[in-house]
Amino acid sequence: MNAHTRNAGGEDALEALTNLVGADIEACNRLILKRMDSPVALIPQLAAHIIAAGGKRLRPLLTLAAARLCGHEGERHILLASCVEFIHTATLLHDDVVDESALRRGQASANALFGNKPSVLVGDFLFARAFQLMIEDGDVEAMRILSEASATIAEGEVLQLMIQNDLAATEAQYFAMIEGKTAALFAAASELGGVVGQRPPAECAALREYGGALGIAFQLIDDALDYAADEKALGKTVGDDFREGKITLPVMLAFVRGDAAEQAFWRRTIEAREQEEADLVQAQALMARHGSVAETVARAESYGDRARAALEIFPDSQARRALLGIVDFCIARAR
């Protein structure tokens, strides 16, 4: 399969997946709205702001589609998909505070609108709601998967803080960080479909491998887009990662391939955070010179191939085709 075939029609793939599980995602949305309610008015107000901000619901969609792939016919996947979205939304609220982000999906972030303290506390509330939903489901294996993912996400975020502004960080540290902060929830969301479908361990492991590889591809594309997208398409300010001094693969590749003067530029802008107006354009030019954005996208495509290969254990079906299409969607964002 060539790159063009693989990456054509990304948005169509997301639409196909959403249509496939349309009734389920609507039920999931209703449950999310119901469970984010609270007599403390600021909680539903702030939660509604971020939940209604145009998110794709990609992670719960993975749970719903994987459950369909595995022949589940009950309602458990609705509850667990809602749980996945609450965990994701909680981490977004916390991330935006840590990153001091002003935008989320092209709108004012919750912390910009409501302040840091309410954002952190409502994030805590949503985490707690997620664990209440897990208890309602009552399956120990589902609880194990989601609780482990929650801990791993937090570890990934702390690792990101540890390597921020540090150009001595290794690719191994970078990949450990994105496996934690992004891929862990993709992996858990996908594996839950096998659990509710009561599939054998090999199939559950395949779904976990699919979600994990997809999550790494997704994050690699995000990191590439921060230097290569227009703001309207990206839904956040281009160059945010650069301004925050985040160590991402495009930066790491440009730094190690640069000459002494270029490395001095990266040390000033990323490590010392001494940035001038023209520095982002200069950073983009250096990345173009060394092919670091293109290589980041190519690495994402190789993880996309791993995600596709993981699904080969399953027979052809509409659900399997939809999950394969989501790999195209995640990578086509960089096209």
Protein backbone atom coordinates (compact mmCIF):
# COMPACT_ATOMS: atom_id res chain seq x y z
CA MET A 1 0.00 0.00 0.00
CA ASN A 2 1.61 3.28 -1.02
CA ALA A 3 1.63 6.47 1.03
CA HIS A 4 -0.97 8.18 -1.16
CA THR A 5 -3.45 5.32 -0.90
CA ARG A 6 -2.82 5.02 2.80
CA ASN A 7 -3.40 8.69 3.54
CA ALA A 8 -6.24 9.54 1.20
CA GLY A 9 -9.60 10.48 2.66
CA GLY A 10 -8.68 10.82 6.33
CA GLU A 11 -11.78 12.82 7.22
CA ASP A 12 -13.93 10.29 5.34
CA ALA A 13 -12.45 7.57 7.56
CA LEU A 14 -13.45 9.42 10.73
CA GLU A 15 -16.95 9.96 9.32
CA ALA A 16 -17.20 6.27 8.40
CA LEU A 17 -16.25 5.22 11.93
CA THR A 18 -18.64 7.72 13.51
CA ASN A 19 -21.48 6.55 11.26
CA LEU A 20 -20.75 2.90 12.01
CA VAL A 21 -21.25 3.40 15.75
CA GLY A 22 -23.62 6.36 15.44
CA ALA A 23 -26.28 5.19 17.91
CA ASP A 24 -23.62 4.11 20.38
CA ILE A 25 -21.72 7.41 20.30
CA GLU A 26 -25.00 9.29 20.79
CA ALA A 27 -25.76 7.13 23.83
CA CYS A 28 -22.22 7.76 25.04
CA ASN A 29 -22.65 11.54 24.65
CA ARG A 30 -25.92 11.43 26.61
CA LEU A 31 -24.25 9.51 29.43
CA ILE A 32 -21.32 11.95 29.50
CA LEU A 33 -23.69 14.92 29.79
CA LYS A 34 -25.67 13.20 32.52
CA ARG A 35 -22.61 12.22 34.56
CA MET A 36 -20.82 15.54 34.36
CA ASP A 37 -23.79 17.14 36.12
CA SER A 38 -23.31 18.38 39.68
CA PRO A 39 -25.14 20.68 42.11
CA VAL A 40 -21.90 22.71 42.17
CA ALA A 41 -22.74 24.85 39.14
CA LEU A 42 -19.19 25.63 38.05
CA ILE A 43 -18.45 21.92 37.48
CA PRO A 44 -20.95 21.24 34.65
CA GLN A 45 -20.34 24.74 33.28
CA LEU A 46 -16.59 24.24 32.94
CA ALA A 47 -16.85 20.58 31.92
CA ALA A 48 -19.41 21.45 29.23
CA HIS A 49 -17.05 24.06 27.82
CA ILE A 50 -14.28 21.57 27.10
CA ILE A 51 -16.53 18.60 26.24
CA ALA A 52 -18.56 20.72 23.79
CA ALA A 53 -15.44 22.29 22.22
CA GLY A 54 -15.64 20.18 19.09
CA GLY A 55 -13.60 17.16 20.10
CA LYS A 56 -13.64 14.16 17.77
CA ARG A 57 -14.37 11.64 20.57
CA LEU A 58 -11.67 9.52 18.95
CA ARG A 59 -10.80 7.46 22.03
CA PRO A 60 -14.38 6.45 22.93
CA LEU A 61 -15.00 5.76 19.24
CA LEU A 62 -12.15 3.22 19.39
CA THR A 63 -13.82 1.47 22.33
CA LEU A 64 -17.19 1.36 20.56
CA ALA A 65 -15.77 0.13 17.26
CA ALA A 66 -13.50 -2.46 18.91
CA ALA A 67 -16.51 -3.77 20.86
CA ARG A 68 -18.40 -4.12 17.59
CA LEU A 69 -15.42 -5.85 15.99
CA CYS A 70 -15.47 -8.34 18.87
CA GLY A 71 -19.19 -9.07 18.62
CA HIS A 72 -20.32 -7.37 21.85
CA GLU A 73 -24.09 -6.92 21.93
CA GLY A 74 -24.75 -5.44 25.37
CA GLU A 75 -24.44 -1.93 26.80
CA ARG A 76 -21.15 -2.15 28.69
CA HIS A 77 -19.15 -0.56 25.90
CA ILE A 78 -21.23 2.65 26.23
CA LEU A 79 -20.34 3.04 29.88
CA LEU A 80 -16.66 2.20 29.37
CA ALA A 81 -16.36 4.51 26.34
CA SER A 82 -17.78 7.31 28.49
CA CYS A 83 -15.23 6.44 31.13
CA VAL A 84 -12.43 6.74 28.55
CA GLU A 85 -13.66 10.18 27.49
CA PHE A 86 -13.83 11.41 31.11
CA ILE A 87 -10.23 10.31 31.68
CA HIS A 88 -9.17 12.03 28.46
CA THR A 89 -11.02 15.24 29.29
CA ALA A 90 -9.56 15.33 32.80
CA THR A 91 -6.06 15.08 31.38
CA LEU A 92 -6.80 17.87 28.86
CA LEU A 93 -7.88 20.20 31.67
CA HIS A 94 -4.73 19.43 33.64
CA ASP A 95 -2.47 19.64 30.55
CA ASP A 96 -3.72 23.08 29.58
CA VAL A 97 -2.93 24.39 33.06
CA VAL A 98 0.56 22.85 33.04
CA ASP A 99 1.22 24.13 29.49
CA GLU A 100 -0.41 27.53 30.16
CA SER A 101 -2.36 27.05 26.93
CA ALA A 102 -4.69 29.81 25.80
CA LEU A 103 -6.43 27.75 23.11
CA ARG A 104 -7.99 24.30 22.99
CA ARG A 105 -9.44 23.12 19.65
CA GLY A 106 -9.44 26.69 18.38
CA GLN A 107 -11.43 28.09 21.32
CA ALA A 108 -10.36 29.71 24.56
CA SER A 109 -9.11 26.96 26.87
CA ALA A 110 -10.95 26.32 30.13
CA ASN A 111 -8.06 27.67 32.18
CA ALA A 112 -7.98 30.87 30.10
CA LEU A 113 -11.72 31.29 30.61
CA PHE A 114 -12.28 30.04 34.16
CA GLY A 115 -8.80 30.12 35.72
CA ASN A 116 -6.26 27.47 36.66
CA LYS A 117 -7.66 26.43 40.03
CA PRO A 118 -11.18 25.54 38.79
CA SER A 119 -9.66 23.70 35.80
CA VAL A 120 -7.49 21.49 37.99
CA LEU A 121 -10.33 20.74 40.41
CA VAL A 122 -12.89 19.97 37.69
CA GLY A 123 -10.28 17.71 36.11
CA ASP A 124 -10.10 15.89 39.45
CA PHE A 125 -13.90 15.63 39.47
CA LEU A 126 -13.91 14.07 35.99
CA PHE A 127 -11.25 11.55 37.00
CA ALA A 128 -13.40 10.61 40.00
CA ARG A 129 -16.47 10.26 37.77
CA ALA A 130 -14.48 7.94 35.50
CA PHE A 131 -13.68 5.69 38.44
CA GLN A 132 -17.32 5.70 39.55
CA LEU A 133 -18.27 4.48 36.06
CA MET A 134 -15.65 1.75 36.28
CA ILE A 135 -17.14 0.55 39.56
CA GLU A 136 -20.61 0.52 37.99
CA ASP A 137 -19.28 -1.69 35.21
CA GLY A 138 -17.81 -3.92 37.90
CA ASP A 139 -15.38 -5.86 35.70
CA VAL A 140 -11.99 -6.21 37.39
CA GLU A 141 -10.12 -6.52 34.09
CA ALA A 142 -11.66 -3.31 32.73
CA MET A 143 -10.78 -1.55 36.00
CA ARG A 144 -7.21 -2.83 35.77
CA ILE A 145 -6.81 -1.60 32.20
CA LEU A 146 -8.20 1.87 32.88
CA SER A 147 -6.54 2.41 36.25
CA GLU A 148 -3.16 1.36 34.82
CA ALA A 149 -3.67 3.68 31.86
CA SER A 150 -4.51 6.58 34.22
CA ALA A 151 -1.30 6.06 36.17
CA THR A 152 0.75 5.70 32.97
CA ILE A 153 -0.70 8.94 31.55
CA ALA A 154 0.38 10.80 34.69
CA GLU A 155 3.86 9.27 34.44
CA GLY A 156 4.09 10.39 30.81
CA GLU A 157 3.12 13.94 31.72
CA VAL A 158 5.70 14.08 34.52
CA LEU A 159 8.35 12.69 32.16
CA GLN A 160 7.46 15.46 29.72
CA LEU A 161 8.14 18.01 32.46
CA MET A 162 11.45 16.33 33.28
CA ILE A 163 12.76 16.54 29.70
CA GLN A 164 11.25 19.93 28.87
CA ASN A 165 13.91 22.42 27.70
CA ASP A 166 16.56 19.66 27.82
CA LEU A 167 18.22 19.08 24.45
CA ALA A 168 20.23 16.24 25.97
CA ALA A 169 17.01 14.20 26.19
CA THR A 170 17.15 10.96 24.21
CA GLU A 171 14.74 9.56 21.65
CA ALA A 172 14.12 6.71 24.10
CA GLN A 173 12.93 9.22 26.71
CA TYR A 174 10.78 11.01 24.14
CA PHE A 175 9.08 7.80 23.01
CA ALA A 176 8.58 6.68 26.62
CA MET A 177 6.90 10.03 27.25
CA ILE A 178 4.48 9.83 24.31
CA GLU A 179 3.75 6.16 25.02
CA GLY A 180 2.63 7.33 28.45
CA LYS A 181 0.87 10.61 27.86
CA THR A 182 -0.94 9.67 24.61
CA ALA A 183 -0.62 6.04 23.53
CA ALA A 184 -1.63 4.49 26.88
CA LEU A 185 -5.24 5.70 26.63
CA PHE A 186 -5.51 4.76 22.93
CA ALA A 187 -4.29 1.26 23.86
CA ALA A 188 -6.68 0.94 26.81
CA ALA A 189 -9.66 2.28 24.82
CA SER A 190 -9.07 -0.30 22.09
CA GLU A 191 -8.38 -3.23 24.42
CA LEU A 192 -11.66 -2.62 26.26
CA GLY A 193 -13.52 -3.71 23.12
CA GLY A 194 -11.93 -7.14 23.42
CA VAL A 195 -12.74 -7.32 27.13
CA VAL A 196 -16.45 -6.55 26.70
CA GLY A 197 -16.56 -8.93 23.73
CA GLN A 198 -14.99 -11.63 25.95
CA ARG A 199 -12.39 -12.35 23.29
CA PRO A 200 -9.32 -14.55 23.90
CA PRO A 201 -6.12 -12.94 25.26
CA ALA A 202 -4.42 -12.89 21.84
CA GLU A 203 -7.19 -10.73 20.38
CA CYS A 204 -7.24 -8.38 23.38
CA ALA A 205 -3.44 -8.03 23.06
CA ALA A 206 -3.81 -7.31 19.32
CA LEU A 207 -6.29 -4.52 20.04
CA ARG A 208 -3.94 -3.11 22.66
CA GLU A 209 -1.07 -3.19 20.15
CA TYR A 210 -3.29 -1.49 17.55
CA GLY A 211 -4.31 1.31 19.93
CA GLY A 212 -0.81 1.85 21.27
CA ALA A 213 0.78 2.11 17.81
CA LEU A 214 -2.07 4.36 16.65
CA GLY A 215 -1.57 6.62 19.68
CA ILE A 216 2.15 7.02 18.98
CA ALA A 217 1.41 7.83 15.32
CA PHE A 218 -1.22 10.36 16.45
CA GLN A 219 1.22 12.14 18.79
CA LEU A 220 4.06 12.16 16.25
CA ILE A 221 1.73 13.86 13.77
CA ASP A 222 0.66 16.38 16.45
CA ASP A 223 4.31 17.19 17.13
CA ALA A 224 5.01 17.59 13.41
CA LEU A 225 1.95 19.81 12.90
CA ASP A 226 3.11 22.27 15.55
CA TYR A 227 5.77 23.35 13.06
CA ALA A 228 3.98 22.65 9.79
CA ALA A 229 0.25 23.47 10.05
CA ASP A 230 -1.94 26.51 9.79
CA GLU A 231 -3.62 27.48 13.05
CA LYS A 232 -7.18 27.05 11.81
CA ALA A 233 -6.51 23.45 10.77
CA LEU A 234 -4.53 22.66 13.91
CA GLY A 235 -7.05 24.07 16.40
CA LYS A 236 -4.30 25.57 18.52
CA THR A 237 -1.62 28.18 18.09
CA VAL A 238 1.13 27.01 15.73
CA GLY A 239 4.47 27.05 17.51
CA ASP A 240 3.05 26.48 21.00
CA ASP A 241 5.48 23.61 21.56
CA PHE A 242 8.35 25.81 20.40
CA ARG A 243 7.38 28.70 22.69
CA GLU A 244 7.05 26.32 25.66
CA GLY A 245 10.44 24.79 24.93
CA LYS A 246 8.97 21.31 24.50
CA ILE A 247 11.31 18.59 23.41
CA THR A 248 9.62 16.87 20.47
CA LEU A 249 11.03 14.69 17.72
CA PRO A 250 11.21 17.47 15.08
CA VAL A 251 13.33 19.56 17.49
CA MET A 252 15.55 16.63 18.47
CA LEU A 253 16.28 15.70 14.86
CA ALA A 254 17.00 19.31 13.80
CA PHE A 255 19.30 19.77 16.80
CA VAL A 256 21.43 16.64 16.34
CA ARG A 257 21.76 17.28 12.58
CA GLY A 258 22.60 20.97 12.96
CA ASP A 259 26.00 22.65 12.86
CA ALA A 260 27.44 24.55 15.84
CA ALA A 261 25.58 27.78 14.99
CA GLU A 262 22.27 25.93 14.58
CA GLN A 263 22.75 24.06 17.84
CA ALA A 264 23.42 27.39 19.55
CA PHE A 265 20.08 28.64 18.15
CA TRP A 266 18.24 25.65 19.64
CA ARG A 267 20.00 26.06 23.00
CA ARG A 268 18.98 29.73 23.14
CA THR A 269 15.37 29.20 22.08
CA ILE A 270 14.54 25.82 23.67
CA GLU A 271 16.85 25.48 26.68
CA ALA A 272 17.19 29.15 27.68
CA ARG A 273 13.71 30.09 26.33
CA GLU A 274 15.17 33.33 24.95
CA GLN A 275 12.99 33.81 21.90
CA GLU A 276 12.49 36.63 19.44
CA GLU A 277 9.67 37.26 16.97
CA ALA A 278 11.45 35.70 13.98
CA ASP A 279 12.67 32.59 15.82
CA LEU A 280 9.73 30.34 14.96
CA VAL A 281 10.24 30.98 11.24
CA GLN A 282 13.95 30.24 11.71
CA ALA A 283 13.11 27.00 13.56
CA GLN A 284 10.83 25.94 10.70
CA ALA A 285 13.56 26.72 8.16
CA LEU A 286 16.10 24.61 10.06
CA MET A 287 13.64 21.75 10.24
CA ALA A 288 13.02 21.99 6.50
CA ARG A 289 16.78 21.96 5.87
CA HIS A 290 17.26 18.78 7.89
CA GLY A 291 13.99 17.05 6.98
CA SER A 292 13.00 16.67 10.61
CA VAL A 293 9.25 17.24 10.13
CA ALA A 294 9.20 14.89 7.14
CA GLU A 295 11.03 12.22 9.12
CA THR A 296 8.62 12.63 12.05
CA VAL A 297 5.71 12.01 9.65
CA ALA A 298 7.54 9.00 8.18
CA ARG A 299 8.00 7.56 11.68
CA ALA A 300 4.27 8.08 12.29
CA GLU A 301 3.53 6.16 9.09
CA SER A 302 5.67 3.23 10.30
CA TYR A 303 3.66 3.12 13.55
CA GLY A 304 0.52 3.29 11.42
CA ASP A 305 1.72 0.18 9.60
CA ARG A 306 2.19 -1.54 12.98
CA ALA A 307 -1.36 -0.61 13.96
CA ARG A 308 -2.73 -2.06 10.71
CA ALA A 309 -0.72 -5.26 11.11
CA ALA A 310 -2.11 -5.78 14.61
CA LEU A 311 -5.64 -6.06 13.18
CA GLU A 312 -4.72 -8.89 10.80
CA ILE A 313 -5.76 -11.39 13.49
CA PHE A 314 -9.39 -10.33 12.90
CA PRO A 315 -11.47 -11.35 9.86
CA ASP A 316 -12.62 -8.69 7.43
CA SER A 317 -15.65 -6.73 8.64
CA GLN A 318 -17.06 -3.22 8.50
CA ALA A 319 -15.67 -2.55 11.99
CA ARG A 320 -12.19 -3.75 11.04
CA ARG A 321 -12.21 -1.58 7.90
CA ALA A 322 -13.32 1.42 9.98
CA LEU A 323 -10.50 0.88 12.49
CA LEU A 324 -7.99 0.56 9.64
CA GLY A 325 -9.37 3.79 8.19
CA ILE A 326 -8.72 5.63 11.46
CA VAL A 327 -5.01 5.00 10.98
CA ASP A 328 -5.35 6.90 7.69
CA PHE A 329 -7.25 9.68 9.47
CA CYS A 330 -4.56 10.15 12.13
CA ILE A 331 -1.74 10.38 9.60
CA ALA A 332 -3.60 12.30 6.87
CA ARG A 333 -3.77 15.32 9.20
CA ALA A 334 -0.16 16.04 8.15
CA ARG A 335 -0.98 15.97 4.42
